[in-house]
Amino acid sequence: MKTIVYETMYILRPDLNDEQVDGAIEKYQGILKDNGAEMLEVQHRGKRRLAYEIGRCREGVYVQMNYKNGGKGVAPLERAMRLSEEVIRYMTVKQEIKEVAAEAAA
């Protein structure tokens, strides 16, 4: 049996203060939860230098979210990020993880 886990990494503008960053993280988590996703992990990776300039920004605030059963939540999440002025870039990756609990016990 396979478990499907999604990972969304997004970069916020560097000029946002801590309250605005926390608000953005809560907003995107809420979109996923409203669509039935189970949050596994959220990592606020902080401000880092970008490999190349994006929209006149040389730095960005990186955030990574891992969640399960969010297949139907990916489209509304990415739409909200695309329309938002606070998100510079985003990317969602789908991972299939094989469960080997029954085979290992035998």
PDB file of N, CA and C in Angstrom:
ATOM      1  N   MET A   1       0.845  -1.191   0.000  1.00  0.00           N
ATOM      2  CA  MET A   1       0.000   0.000   0.000  1.00  0.00           C
ATOM      3  C   MET A   1       0.883   1.245   0.000  1.00  0.00           C
ATOM      4  N   LYS A   2       0.435   2.262  -0.724  1.00  0.00           N
ATOM      5  CA  LYS A   2       1.209   3.491  -0.846  1.00  0.00           C
ATOM      6  C   LYS A   2       0.498   4.644  -0.140  1.00  0.00           C
ATOM      7  N   THR A   3       1.290   5.456   0.516  1.00  0.00           N
ATOM      8  CA  THR A   3       0.786   6.674   1.132  1.00  0.00           C
ATOM      9  C   THR A   3       1.254   7.844   0.270  1.00  0.00           C
ATOM     10  N   ILE A   4       0.343   8.736  -0.041  1.00  0.00           N
ATOM     11  CA  ILE A   4       0.698   9.896  -0.866  1.00  0.00           C
ATOM     12  C   ILE A   4       0.886  11.104   0.044  1.00  0.00           C
ATOM     13  N   VAL A   5       2.075  11.681  -0.037  1.00  0.00           N
ATOM     14  CA  VAL A   5       2.433  12.849   0.754  1.00  0.00           C
ATOM     15  C   VAL A   5       2.794  13.971  -0.208  1.00  0.00           C
ATOM     16  N   TYR A   6       2.310  15.171   0.077  1.00  0.00           N
ATOM     17  CA  TYR A   6       2.613  16.337  -0.746  1.00  0.00           C
ATOM     18  C   TYR A   6       3.557  17.248   0.022  1.00  0.00           C
ATOM     19  N   GLU A   7       4.433  17.903  -0.718  1.00  0.00           N
ATOM     20  CA  GLU A   7       5.350  18.876  -0.132  1.00  0.00           C
ATOM     21  C   GLU A   7       5.251  20.153  -0.946  1.00  0.00           C
ATOM     22  N   THR A   8       4.926  21.248  -0.282  1.00  0.00           N
ATOM     23  CA  THR A   8       4.869  22.553  -0.944  1.00  0.00           C
ATOM     24  C   THR A   8       5.926  23.446  -0.322  1.00  0.00           C
ATOM     25  N   MET A   9       6.810  23.955  -1.156  1.00  0.00           N
ATOM     26  CA  MET A   9       7.834  24.904  -0.723  1.00  0.00           C
ATOM     27  C   MET A   9       7.482  26.236  -1.363  1.00  0.00           C
ATOM     28  N   TYR A  10       7.452  27.288  -0.559  1.00  0.00           N
ATOM     29  CA  TYR A  10       7.186  28.611  -1.130  1.00  0.00           C
ATOM     30  C   TYR A  10       8.093  29.652  -0.511  1.00  0.00           C
ATOM     31  N   ILE A  11       8.299  30.732  -1.268  1.00  0.00           N
ATOM     32  CA  ILE A  11       9.191  31.812  -0.854  1.00  0.00           C
ATOM     33  C   ILE A  11       8.373  33.090  -0.747  1.00  0.00           C
ATOM     34  N   LEU A  12       8.456  33.717   0.424  1.00  0.00           N
ATOM     35  CA  LEU A  12       7.746  34.975   0.672  1.00  0.00           C
ATOM     36  C   LEU A  12       8.693  36.153   0.467  1.00  0.00           C
ATOM     37  N   ARG A  13       8.135  37.328   0.207  1.00  0.00           N
ATOM     38  CA  ARG A  13       8.941  38.540   0.032  1.00  0.00           C
ATOM     39  C   ARG A  13       9.767  38.820   1.284  1.00  0.00           C
ATOM     40  N   PRO A  14      10.989  39.318   1.129  1.00  0.00           N
ATOM     41  CA  PRO A  14      11.853  39.550   2.288  1.00  0.00           C
ATOM     42  C   PRO A  14      11.464  40.765   3.130  1.00  0.00           C
ATOM     43  N   ASP A  15      10.643  41.675   2.597  1.00  0.00           N
ATOM     44  CA  ASP A  15      10.292  42.879   3.348  1.00  0.00           C
ATOM     45  C   ASP A  15       9.107  42.679   4.292  1.00  0.00           C
ATOM     46  N   LEU A  16       8.570  41.454   4.391  1.00  0.00           N
ATOM     47  CA  LEU A  16       7.470  41.177   5.315  1.00  0.00           C
ATOM     48  C   LEU A  16       8.011  41.061   6.739  1.00  0.00           C
ATOM     49  N   ASN A  17       7.253  41.595   7.712  1.00  0.00           N
ATOM     50  CA  ASN A  17       7.688  41.449   9.100  1.00  0.00           C
ATOM     51  C   ASN A  17       7.239  40.081   9.636  1.00  0.00           C
ATOM     52  N   ASP A  18       7.649  39.753  10.864  1.00  0.00           N
ATOM     53  CA  ASP A  18       7.363  38.430  11.428  1.00  0.00           C
ATOM     54  C   ASP A  18       5.870  38.136  11.522  1.00  0.00           C
ATOM     55  N   GLU A  19       5.069  39.138  11.881  1.00  0.00           N
ATOM     56  CA  GLU A  19       3.622  38.943  11.987  1.00  0.00           C
ATOM     57  C   GLU A  19       3.006  38.641  10.627  1.00  0.00           C
ATOM     58  N   GLN A  20       3.460  39.317   9.590  1.00  0.00           N
ATOM     59  CA  GLN A  20       2.946  39.078   8.249  1.00  0.00           C
ATOM     60  C   GLN A  20       3.342  37.686   7.744  1.00  0.00           C
ATOM     61  N   VAL A  21       4.570  37.259   8.054  1.00  0.00           N
ATOM     62  CA  VAL A  21       5.024  35.921   7.659  1.00  0.00           C
ATOM     63  C   VAL A  21       4.189  34.863   8.367  1.00  0.00           C
ATOM     64  N   ASP A  22       3.996  35.014   9.681  1.00  0.00           N
ATOM     65  CA  ASP A  22       3.184  34.063  10.437  1.00  0.00           C
ATOM     66  C   ASP A  22       1.745  34.038   9.922  1.00  0.00           C
ATOM     67  N   GLY A  23       1.207  35.201   9.567  1.00  0.00           N
ATOM     68  CA  GLY A  23      -0.143  35.274   9.019  1.00  0.00           C
ATOM     69  C   GLY A  23      -0.256  34.548   7.684  1.00  0.00           C
ATOM     70  N   ALA A  24       0.768  34.683   6.848  1.00  0.00           N
ATOM     71  CA  ALA A  24       0.762  34.000   5.549  1.00  0.00           C
ATOM     72  C   ALA A  24       0.825  32.488   5.743  1.00  0.00           C
ATOM     73  N   ILE A  25       1.661  32.038   6.670  1.00  0.00           N
ATOM     74  CA  ILE A  25       1.779  30.596   6.937  1.00  0.00           C
ATOM     75  C   ILE A  25       0.440  30.047   7.423  1.00  0.00           C
ATOM     76  N   GLU A  26      -0.209  30.755   8.348  1.00  0.00           N
ATOM     77  CA  GLU A  26      -1.509  30.334   8.866  1.00  0.00           C
ATOM     78  C   GLU A  26      -2.563  30.304   7.755  1.00  0.00           C
ATOM     79  N   LYS A  27      -2.517  31.303   6.868  1.00  0.00           N
ATOM     80  CA  LYS A  27      -3.490  31.377   5.779  1.00  0.00           C
ATOM     81  C   LYS A  27      -3.381  30.159   4.867  1.00  0.00           C
ATOM     82  N   TYR A  28      -2.156  29.789   4.491  1.00  0.00           N
ATOM     83  CA  TYR A  28      -1.979  28.663   3.573  1.00  0.00           C
ATOM     84  C   TYR A  28      -2.248  27.324   4.259  1.00  0.00           C
ATOM     85  N   GLN A  29      -1.934  27.217   5.539  1.00  0.00           N
ATOM     86  CA  GLN A  29      -2.308  26.007   6.290  1.00  0.00           C
ATOM     87  C   GLN A  29      -3.825  25.887   6.356  1.00  0.00           C
ATOM     88  N   GLY A  30      -4.509  26.999   6.577  1.00  0.00           N
ATOM     89  CA  GLY A  30      -5.967  26.994   6.653  1.00  0.00           C
ATOM     90  C   GLY A  30      -6.615  26.545   5.358  1.00  0.00           C
ATOM     91  N   ILE A  31      -6.058  26.969   4.224  1.00  0.00           N
ATOM     92  CA  ILE A  31      -6.599  26.538   2.928  1.00  0.00           C
ATOM     93  C   ILE A  31      -6.505  25.022   2.806  1.00  0.00           C
ATOM     94  N   LEU A  32      -5.365  24.464   3.198  1.00  0.00           N
ATOM     95  CA  LEU A  32      -5.199  23.007   3.122  1.00  0.00           C
ATOM     96  C   LEU A  32      -6.140  22.283   4.075  1.00  0.00           C
ATOM     97  N   LYS A  33      -6.250  22.771   5.305  1.00  0.00           N
ATOM     98  CA  LYS A  33      -7.121  22.122   6.297  1.00  0.00           C
ATOM     99  C   LYS A  33      -8.584  22.192   5.877  1.00  0.00           C
ATOM    100  N   ASP A  34      -8.980  23.299   5.270  1.00  0.00           N
ATOM    101  CA  ASP A  34     -10.360  23.437   4.792  1.00  0.00           C
ATOM    102  C   ASP A  34     -10.679  22.433   3.688  1.00  0.00           C
ATOM    103  N   ASN A  35      -9.657  21.967   2.994  1.00  0.00           N
ATOM    104  CA  ASN A  35      -9.841  20.994   1.916  1.00  0.00           C
ATOM    105  C   ASN A  35      -9.499  19.575   2.360  1.00  0.00           C
ATOM    106  N   GLY A  36      -9.414  19.334   3.677  1.00  0.00           N
ATOM    107  CA  GLY A  36      -9.272  17.983   4.202  1.00  0.00           C
ATOM    108  C   GLY A  36      -7.863  17.450   4.312  1.00  0.00           C
ATOM    109  N   ALA A  37      -6.858  18.288   4.249  1.00  0.00           N
ATOM    110  CA  ALA A  37      -5.474  17.820   4.352  1.00  0.00           C
ATOM    111  C   ALA A  37      -5.073  17.654   5.808  1.00  0.00           C
ATOM    112  N   GLU A  38      -4.223  16.675   6.060  1.00  0.00           N
ATOM    113  CA  GLU A  38      -3.655  16.453   7.393  1.00  0.00           C
ATOM    114  C   GLU A  38      -2.226  16.974   7.376  1.00  0.00           C
ATOM    115  N   MET A  39      -1.969  18.013   8.172  1.00  0.00           N
ATOM    116  CA  MET A  39      -0.639  18.618   8.196  1.00  0.00           C
ATOM    117  C   MET A  39       0.335  17.695   8.927  1.00  0.00           C
ATOM    118  N   LEU A  40       1.450  17.385   8.290  1.00  0.00           N
ATOM    119  CA  LEU A  40       2.479  16.562   8.912  1.00  0.00           C
ATOM    120  C   LEU A  40       3.570  17.426   9.522  1.00  0.00           C
ATOM    121  N   GLU A  41       3.991  18.431   8.769  1.00  0.00           N
ATOM    122  CA  GLU A  41       5.100  19.254   9.235  1.00  0.00           C
ATOM    123  C   GLU A  41       5.097  20.593   8.511  1.00  0.00           C
ATOM    124  N   VAL A  42       5.433  21.660   9.246  1.00  0.00           N
ATOM    125  CA  VAL A  42       5.615  22.978   8.660  1.00  0.00           C
ATOM    126  C   VAL A  42       6.951  23.493   9.151  1.00  0.00           C
ATOM    127  N   GLN A  43       7.831  23.822   8.211  1.00  0.00           N
ATOM    128  CA  GLN A  43       9.155  24.322   8.570  1.00  0.00           C
ATOM    129  C   GLN A  43       9.320  25.744   8.067  1.00  0.00           C
ATOM    130  N   HIS A  44       9.540  26.655   8.997  1.00  0.00           N
ATOM    131  CA  HIS A  44       9.830  28.054   8.660  1.00  0.00           C
ATOM    132  C   HIS A  44      11.353  28.127   8.588  1.00  0.00           C
ATOM    133  N   ARG A  45      11.889  28.182   7.391  1.00  0.00           N
ATOM    134  CA  ARG A  45      13.341  28.089   7.203  1.00  0.00           C
ATOM    135  C   ARG A  45      14.054  29.437   7.252  1.00  0.00           C
ATOM    136  N   GLY A  46      13.308  30.499   7.399  1.00  0.00           N
ATOM    137  CA  GLY A  46      13.918  31.810   7.562  1.00  0.00           C
ATOM    138  C   GLY A  46      14.308  32.492   6.260  1.00  0.00           C
ATOM    139  N   LYS A  47      14.953  33.645   6.407  1.00  0.00           N
ATOM    140  CA  LYS A  47      15.346  34.455   5.252  1.00  0.00           C
ATOM    141  C   LYS A  47      16.675  33.942   4.707  1.00  0.00           C
ATOM    142  N   ARG A  48      16.701  33.726   3.392  1.00  0.00           N
ATOM    143  CA  ARG A  48      17.909  33.252   2.720  1.00  0.00           C
ATOM    144  C   ARG A  48      18.108  34.011   1.414  1.00  0.00           C
ATOM    145  N   ARG A  49      19.334  33.986   0.960  1.00  0.00           N
ATOM    146  CA  ARG A  49      19.666  34.629  -0.317  1.00  0.00           C
ATOM    147  C   ARG A  49      19.198  33.732  -1.462  1.00  0.00           C
ATOM    148  N   LEU A  50      18.594  34.357  -2.478  1.00  0.00           N
ATOM    149  CA  LEU A  50      18.122  33.621  -3.645  1.00  0.00           C
ATOM    150  C   LEU A  50      19.280  33.360  -4.609  1.00  0.00           C
ATOM    151  N   ALA A  51      19.169  32.294  -5.389  1.00  0.00           N
ATOM    152  CA  ALA A  51      20.202  31.978  -6.370  1.00  0.00           C
ATOM    153  C   ALA A  51      20.250  33.038  -7.470  1.00  0.00           C
ATOM    154  N   TYR A  52      19.095  33.629  -7.789  1.00  0.00           N
ATOM    155  CA  TYR A  52      19.032  34.697  -8.780  1.00  0.00           C
ATOM    156  C   TYR A  52      17.910  35.642  -8.383  1.00  0.00           C
ATOM    157  N   GLU A  53      17.956  36.842  -8.897  1.00  0.00           N
ATOM    158  CA  GLU A  53      16.981  37.874  -8.547  1.00  0.00           C
ATOM    159  C   GLU A  53      15.608  37.534  -9.112  1.00  0.00           C
ATOM    160  N   ILE A  54      14.585  37.612  -8.267  1.00  0.00           N
ATOM    161  CA  ILE A  54      13.207  37.366  -8.692  1.00  0.00           C
ATOM    162  C   ILE A  54      12.399  38.614  -8.344  1.00  0.00           C
ATOM    163  N   GLY A  55      11.910  39.289  -9.347  1.00  0.00           N
ATOM    164  CA  GLY A  55      11.089  40.479  -9.115  1.00  0.00           C
ATOM    165  C   GLY A  55      11.756  41.529  -8.253  1.00  0.00           C
ATOM    166  N   ARG A  56      13.008  41.816  -8.510  1.00  0.00           N
ATOM    167  CA  ARG A  56      13.813  42.792  -7.764  1.00  0.00           C
ATOM    168  C   ARG A  56      14.121  42.371  -6.338  1.00  0.00           C
ATOM    169  N   CYS A  57      13.908  41.115  -5.995  1.00  0.00           N
ATOM    170  CA  CYS A  57      14.235  40.604  -4.652  1.00  0.00           C
ATOM    171  C   CYS A  57      15.482  39.731  -4.732  1.00  0.00           C
ATOM    172  N   ARG A  58      16.432  39.977  -3.843  1.00  0.00           N
ATOM    173  CA  ARG A  58      17.651  39.171  -3.779  1.00  0.00           C
ATOM    174  C   ARG A  58      17.573  38.139  -2.653  1.00  0.00           C
ATOM    175  N   GLU A  59      16.617  38.308  -1.741  1.00  0.00           N
ATOM    176  CA  GLU A  59      16.426  37.383  -0.621  1.00  0.00           C
ATOM    177  C   GLU A  59      14.958  36.990  -0.561  1.00  0.00           C
ATOM    178  N   GLY A  60      14.671  35.949   0.233  1.00  0.00           N
ATOM    179  CA  GLY A  60      13.294  35.522   0.420  1.00  0.00           C
ATOM    180  C   GLY A  60      13.158  34.702   1.688  1.00  0.00           C
ATOM    181  N   VAL A  61      11.943  34.620   2.215  1.00  0.00           N
ATOM    182  CA  VAL A  61      11.650  33.832   3.412  1.00  0.00           C
ATOM    183  C   VAL A  61      11.095  32.479   2.934  1.00  0.00           C
ATOM    184  N   TYR A  62      11.828  31.414   3.233  1.00  0.00           N
ATOM    185  CA  TYR A  62      11.468  30.069   2.775  1.00  0.00           C
ATOM    186  C   TYR A  62      10.569  29.368   3.783  1.00  0.00           C
ATOM    187  N   VAL A  63       9.513  28.706   3.288  1.00  0.00           N
ATOM    188  CA  VAL A  63       8.603  27.926   4.127  1.00  0.00           C
ATOM    189  C   VAL A  63       8.317  26.612   3.402  1.00  0.00           C
ATOM    190  N   GLN A  64       8.361  25.505   4.163  1.00  0.00           N
ATOM    191  CA  GLN A  64       8.074  24.180   3.599  1.00  0.00           C
ATOM    192  C   GLN A  64       6.922  23.556   4.378  1.00  0.00           C
ATOM    193  N   MET A  65       5.927  23.023   3.648  1.00  0.00           N
ATOM    194  CA  MET A  65       4.789  22.345   4.277  1.00  0.00           C
ATOM    195  C   MET A  65       4.686  20.926   3.717  1.00  0.00           C
ATOM    196  N   ASN A  66       4.577  19.942   4.612  1.00  0.00           N
ATOM    197  CA  ASN A  66       4.342  18.554   4.216  1.00  0.00           C
ATOM    198  C   ASN A  66       2.966  18.165   4.725  1.00  0.00           C
ATOM    199  N   TYR A  67       2.150  17.506   3.871  1.00  0.00           N
ATOM    200  CA  TYR A  67       0.790  17.162   4.267  1.00  0.00           C
ATOM    201  C   TYR A  67       0.315  15.936   3.505  1.00  0.00           C
ATOM    202  N   LYS A  68      -0.716  15.279   4.061  1.00  0.00           N
ATOM    203  CA  LYS A  68      -1.300  14.067   3.474  1.00  0.00           C
ATOM    204  C   LYS A  68      -2.699  14.354   2.962  1.00  0.00           C
ATOM    205  N   ASN A  69      -3.137  13.522   2.020  1.00  0.00           N
ATOM    206  CA  ASN A  69      -4.506  13.550   1.504  1.00  0.00           C
ATOM    207  C   ASN A  69      -4.935  14.948   1.072  1.00  0.00           C
ATOM    208  N   GLY A  70      -4.015  15.689   0.518  1.00  0.00           N
ATOM    209  CA  GLY A  70      -4.319  17.047   0.107  1.00  0.00           C
ATOM    210  C   GLY A  70      -4.447  17.203  -1.386  1.00  0.00           C
ATOM    211  N   GLY A  71      -4.725  16.131  -2.099  1.00  0.00           N
ATOM    212  CA  GLY A  71      -4.799  16.202  -3.553  1.00  0.00           C
ATOM    213  C   GLY A  71      -5.772  17.240  -4.050  1.00  0.00           C
ATOM    214  N   LYS A  72      -6.943  17.295  -3.422  1.00  0.00           N
ATOM    215  CA  LYS A  72      -7.930  18.283  -3.870  1.00  0.00           C
ATOM    216  C   LYS A  72      -7.632  19.671  -3.311  1.00  0.00           C
ATOM    217  N   GLY A  73      -6.743  19.769  -2.347  1.00  0.00           N
ATOM    218  CA  GLY A  73      -6.392  21.058  -1.768  1.00  0.00           C
ATOM    219  C   GLY A  73      -5.247  21.761  -2.467  1.00  0.00           C
ATOM    220  N   VAL A  74      -4.546  21.041  -3.351  1.00  0.00           N
ATOM    221  CA  VAL A  74      -3.378  21.621  -4.014  1.00  0.00           C
ATOM    222  C   VAL A  74      -3.780  22.757  -4.958  1.00  0.00           C
ATOM    223  N   ALA A  75      -4.816  22.555  -5.751  1.00  0.00           N
ATOM    224  CA  ALA A  75      -5.239  23.580  -6.721  1.00  0.00           C
ATOM    225  C   ALA A  75      -5.666  24.893  -6.037  1.00  0.00           C
ATOM    226  N   PRO A  76      -6.528  24.853  -4.993  1.00  0.00           N
ATOM    227  CA  PRO A  76      -6.886  26.122  -4.331  1.00  0.00           C
ATOM    228  C   PRO A  76      -5.682  26.785  -3.642  1.00  0.00           C
ATOM    229  N   LEU A  77      -4.776  25.975  -3.099  1.00  0.00           N
ATOM    230  CA  LEU A  77      -3.580  26.518  -2.447  1.00  0.00           C
ATOM    231  C   LEU A  77      -2.707  27.247  -3.465  1.00  0.00           C
ATOM    232  N   GLU A  78      -2.432  26.590  -4.584  1.00  0.00           N
ATOM    233  CA  GLU A  78      -1.577  27.205  -5.594  1.00  0.00           C
ATOM    234  C   GLU A  78      -2.245  28.426  -6.231  1.00  0.00           C
ATOM    235  N   ARG A  79      -3.570  28.396  -6.359  1.00  0.00           N
ATOM    236  CA  ARG A  79      -4.273  29.558  -6.900  1.00  0.00           C
ATOM    237  C   ARG A  79      -4.123  30.752  -5.960  1.00  0.00           C
ATOM    238  N   ALA A  80      -4.267  30.512  -4.656  1.00  0.00           N
ATOM    239  CA  ALA A  80      -4.114  31.594  -3.675  1.00  0.00           C
ATOM    240  C   ALA A  80      -2.688  32.145  -3.696  1.00  0.00           C
ATOM    241  N   MET A  81      -1.705  31.260  -3.854  1.00  0.00           N
ATOM    242  CA  MET A  81      -0.308  31.713  -3.897  1.00  0.00           C
ATOM    243  C   MET A  81      -0.019  32.496  -5.177  1.00  0.00           C
ATOM    244  N   ARG A  82      -0.595  32.054  -6.282  1.00  0.00           N
ATOM    245  CA  ARG A  82      -0.378  32.728  -7.568  1.00  0.00           C
ATOM    246  C   ARG A  82      -0.950  34.150  -7.530  1.00  0.00           C
ATOM    247  N   LEU A  83      -2.097  34.329  -6.870  1.00  0.00           N
ATOM    248  CA  LEU A  83      -2.754  35.639  -6.814  1.00  0.00           C
ATOM    249  C   LEU A  83      -2.184  36.551  -5.727  1.00  0.00           C
ATOM    250  N   SER A  84      -1.437  35.975  -4.798  1.00  0.00           N
ATOM    251  CA  SER A  84      -0.908  36.731  -3.674  1.00  0.00           C
ATOM    252  C   SER A  84       0.319  37.545  -4.083  1.00  0.00           C
ATOM    253  N   GLU A  85       0.435  38.739  -3.545  1.00  0.00           N
ATOM    254  CA  GLU A  85       1.617  39.561  -3.806  1.00  0.00           C
ATOM    255  C   GLU A  85       2.745  39.250  -2.836  1.00  0.00           C
ATOM    256  N   GLU A  86       2.456  38.489  -1.769  1.00  0.00           N
ATOM    257  CA  GLU A  86       3.492  38.187  -0.782  1.00  0.00           C
ATOM    258  C   GLU A  86       4.337  36.974  -1.164  1.00  0.00           C
ATOM    259  N   VAL A  87       3.856  36.127  -2.087  1.00  0.00           N
ATOM    260  CA  VAL A  87       4.584  34.930  -2.504  1.00  0.00           C
ATOM    261  C   VAL A  87       5.368  35.220  -3.784  1.00  0.00           C
ATOM    262  N   ILE A  88       6.693  34.951  -3.721  1.00  0.00           N
ATOM    263  CA  ILE A  88       7.548  35.160  -4.885  1.00  0.00           C
ATOM    264  C   ILE A  88       7.504  33.931  -5.788  1.00  0.00           C
ATOM    265  N   ARG A  89       7.699  32.747  -5.210  1.00  0.00           N
ATOM    266  CA  ARG A  89       7.705  31.480  -5.941  1.00  0.00           C
ATOM    267  C   ARG A  89       7.099  30.388  -5.065  1.00  0.00           C
ATOM    268  N   TYR A  90       6.564  29.342  -5.720  1.00  0.00           N
ATOM    269  CA  TYR A  90       6.052  28.183  -4.996  1.00  0.00           C
ATOM    270  C   TYR A  90       6.203  26.955  -5.875  1.00  0.00           C
ATOM    271  N   MET A  91       6.259  25.796  -5.223  1.00  0.00           N
ATOM    272  CA  MET A  91       6.345  24.540  -5.954  1.00  0.00           C
ATOM    273  C   MET A  91       5.777  23.430  -5.075  1.00  0.00           C
ATOM    274  N   THR A  92       4.945  22.556  -5.675  1.00  0.00           N
ATOM    275  CA  THR A  92       4.370  21.421  -4.963  1.00  0.00           C
ATOM    276  C   THR A  92       4.867  20.140  -5.617  1.00  0.00           C
ATOM    277  N   VAL A  93       5.294  19.198  -4.762  1.00  0.00           N
ATOM    278  CA  VAL A  93       5.797  17.910  -5.228  1.00  0.00           C
ATOM    279  C   VAL A  93       4.961  16.813  -4.578  1.00  0.00           C
ATOM    280  N   LYS A  94       4.569  15.828  -5.386  1.00  0.00           N
ATOM    281  CA  LYS A  94       3.798  14.682  -4.886  1.00  0.00           C
ATOM    282  C   LYS A  94       4.758  13.508  -4.704  1.00  0.00           C
ATOM    283  N   GLN A  95       4.728  12.899  -3.506  1.00  0.00           N
ATOM    284  CA  GLN A  95       5.609  11.770  -3.207  1.00  0.00           C
ATOM    285  C   GLN A  95       4.767  10.561  -2.835  1.00  0.00           C
ATOM    286  N   GLU A  96       5.127   9.408  -3.390  1.00  0.00           N
ATOM    287  CA  GLU A  96       4.458   8.168  -3.002  1.00  0.00           C
ATOM    288  C   GLU A  96       5.419   7.370  -2.125  1.00  0.00           C
ATOM    289  N   ILE A  97       4.980   7.055  -0.915  1.00  0.00           N
ATOM    290  CA  ILE A  97       5.813   6.327   0.038  1.00  0.00           C
ATOM    291  C   ILE A  97       5.216   4.947   0.242  1.00  0.00           C
ATOM    292  N   LYS A  98       6.024   3.904   0.027  1.00  0.00           N
ATOM    293  CA  LYS A  98       5.567   2.534   0.209  1.00  0.00           C
ATOM    294  C   LYS A  98       5.592   2.170   1.685  1.00  0.00           C
ATOM    295  N   GLU A  99       4.517   1.561   2.153  1.00  0.00           N
ATOM    296  CA  GLU A  99       4.444   1.098   3.542  1.00  0.00           C
ATOM    297  C   GLU A  99       4.837  -0.370   3.574  1.00  0.00           C
ATOM    298  N   VAL A 100       5.781  -0.737   4.445  1.00  0.00           N
ATOM    299  CA  VAL A 100       6.319  -2.094   4.471  1.00  0.00           C
ATOM    300  C   VAL A 100       6.126  -2.721   5.852  1.00  0.00           C
ATOM    301  N   ALA A 101       5.109  -2.311   6.594  1.00  0.00           N
ATOM    302  CA  ALA A 101       4.914  -2.807   7.959  1.00  0.00           C
ATOM    303  C   ALA A 101       4.515  -4.278   7.965  1.00  0.00           C
ATOM    304  N   ALA A 102       3.590  -4.704   7.121  1.00  0.00           N
ATOM    305  CA  ALA A 102       3.115  -6.084   7.109  1.00  0.00           C
ATOM    306  C   ALA A 102       4.188  -7.038   6.573  1.00  0.00           C
ATOM    307  N   GLU A 103       4.955  -6.604   5.590  1.00  0.00           N
ATOM    308  CA  GLU A 103       5.990  -7.457   5.014  1.00  0.00           C
ATOM    309  C   GLU A 103       7.163  -7.650   5.964  1.00  0.00           C
ATOM    310  N   ALA A 104       7.496  -6.659   6.745  1.00  0.00           N
ATOM    311  CA  ALA A 104       8.629  -6.742   7.668  1.00  0.00           C
ATOM    312  C   ALA A 104       8.308  -7.660   8.851  1.00  0.00           C
ATOM    313  N   ALA A 105       7.041  -7.742   9.250  1.00  0.00           N
ATOM    314  CA  ALA A 105       6.637  -8.578  10.388  1.00  0.00           C
ATOM    315  C   ALA A 105       6.661 -10.067  10.043  1.00  0.00           C
ATOM    316  N   ALA A 106       6.522 -10.427   8.785  1.00  0.00           N
ATOM    317  CA  ALA A 106       6.456 -11.834   8.365  1.00  0.00           C
ATOM    318  C   ALA A 106       7.765 -12.540   8.360  1.00  0.00           C
TER     319      ALA A 106
END
